[in-house]
Amino acid sequence: MTNTPVPPIDPGNRDCTGRQIMELLGELHRRGLQHGLLWGSASPGEKTIDGYTLVNFGNAPLSTLLNLVHLLRDLDLDDPCYP
């Protein structure tokens, strides 16, 4: 993995909007599908913990979504067939 994992308490996580989270979820769906990862019901969570938005696929913190997207991006960079 080329990126350092995002910790759940990263202050930058407080600044993400619902729209940005939806865009990340869209990317997770697109990239994850190629690797057999499906989260059809994932959405920005309505709950927060100490100001950090949760992503509604098991009430994961936003950092989990960011780390999954980073991992999938790294997989795609290693794949010569990926456009």
Protein backbone atom coordinates (compact mmCIF):
# COMPACT_ATOMS: atom_id res chain seq x y z
CA MET A 1 0.00 0.00 0.00
CA THR A 2 1.42 3.36 -0.99
CA ASN A 3 -0.73 5.47 1.34
CA THR A 4 -0.52 5.73 5.09
CA PRO A 5 -3.83 4.59 6.65
CA VAL A 6 -6.16 7.35 7.78
CA PRO A 7 -6.72 7.13 11.54
CA PRO A 8 -10.34 7.32 12.75
CA ILE A 9 -9.56 10.50 14.68
CA ASP A 10 -8.00 12.40 11.73
CA PRO A 11 -9.25 16.02 11.99
CA GLY A 12 -9.76 16.08 8.20
CA ASN A 13 -12.57 13.58 8.60
CA ARG A 14 -14.71 16.28 10.20
CA ASP A 15 -14.74 18.37 7.02
CA CYS A 16 -16.24 15.81 4.60
CA THR A 17 -19.73 16.62 3.37
CA GLY A 18 -22.46 14.10 2.62
CA ARG A 19 -21.90 14.73 -1.09
CA GLN A 20 -18.17 13.98 -0.81
CA ILE A 21 -18.95 10.79 1.07
CA MET A 22 -21.43 9.78 -1.65
CA GLU A 23 -18.71 10.34 -4.28
CA LEU A 24 -16.31 8.16 -2.29
CA LEU A 25 -19.00 5.49 -1.93
CA GLY A 26 -19.55 5.63 -5.70
CA GLU A 27 -15.84 5.10 -6.25
CA LEU A 28 -15.87 2.26 -3.72
CA HIS A 29 -18.74 0.62 -5.62
CA ARG A 30 -17.05 1.03 -9.03
CA ARG A 31 -13.62 -0.12 -7.98
CA GLY A 32 -14.85 -2.75 -5.53
CA LEU A 33 -17.10 -4.44 -8.07
CA GLN A 34 -14.04 -5.51 -10.07
CA HIS A 35 -12.72 -7.26 -6.98
CA GLY A 36 -16.00 -8.79 -5.82
CA LEU A 37 -16.70 -6.19 -3.10
CA LEU A 38 -20.33 -5.15 -2.92
CA TRP A 39 -21.93 -2.63 -0.56
CA GLY A 40 -25.27 -1.88 -2.18
CA SER A 41 -26.74 -0.19 0.86
CA ALA A 42 -23.75 1.90 1.93
CA SER A 43 -24.57 5.57 2.48
CA PRO A 44 -23.38 8.52 4.56
CA GLY A 45 -24.44 7.90 8.12
CA GLU A 46 -26.73 10.24 9.95
CA LYS A 47 -24.92 9.61 13.20
CA THR A 48 -21.68 11.12 14.31
CA ILE A 49 -19.32 10.33 17.16
CA ASP A 50 -17.59 13.38 18.56
CA GLY A 51 -18.12 15.20 15.26
CA TYR A 52 -16.85 12.39 13.02
CA THR A 53 -19.35 11.19 10.41
CA LEU A 54 -20.04 7.47 10.24
CA VAL A 55 -20.52 5.63 6.96
CA ASN A 56 -23.51 3.34 7.05
CA PHE A 57 -22.06 -0.07 6.25
CA GLY A 58 -21.85 -1.37 9.75
CA ASN A 59 -21.44 2.12 11.28
CA ALA A 60 -17.84 2.33 10.14
CA PRO A 61 -15.97 5.60 10.57
CA LEU A 62 -15.22 7.65 7.47
CA SER A 63 -11.57 6.62 7.83
CA THR A 64 -12.56 3.02 6.99
CA LEU A 65 -14.17 4.18 3.74
CA LEU A 66 -11.12 6.28 2.87
CA ASN A 67 -8.76 3.40 3.59
CA LEU A 68 -10.83 0.97 1.49
CA VAL A 69 -10.82 3.41 -1.44
CA HIS A 70 -7.04 3.89 -1.08
CA LEU A 71 -6.50 0.12 -1.08
CA LEU A 72 -8.62 -0.31 -4.20
CA ARG A 73 -6.80 2.55 -5.94
CA ASP A 74 -3.49 0.85 -5.15
CA LEU A 75 -4.79 -2.45 -6.54
CA ASP A 76 -5.84 -0.71 -9.73
CA LEU A 77 -2.46 1.01 -10.08
CA ASP A 78 -0.79 -2.40 -9.91
CA ASP A 79 -3.13 -3.79 -12.61
CA PRO A 80 -1.79 -3.05 -16.12
CA CYS A 81 -5.27 -3.71 -17.59
CA TYR A 82 -6.96 -0.94 -15.60
CA PRO A 83 -7.63 2.16 -17.76
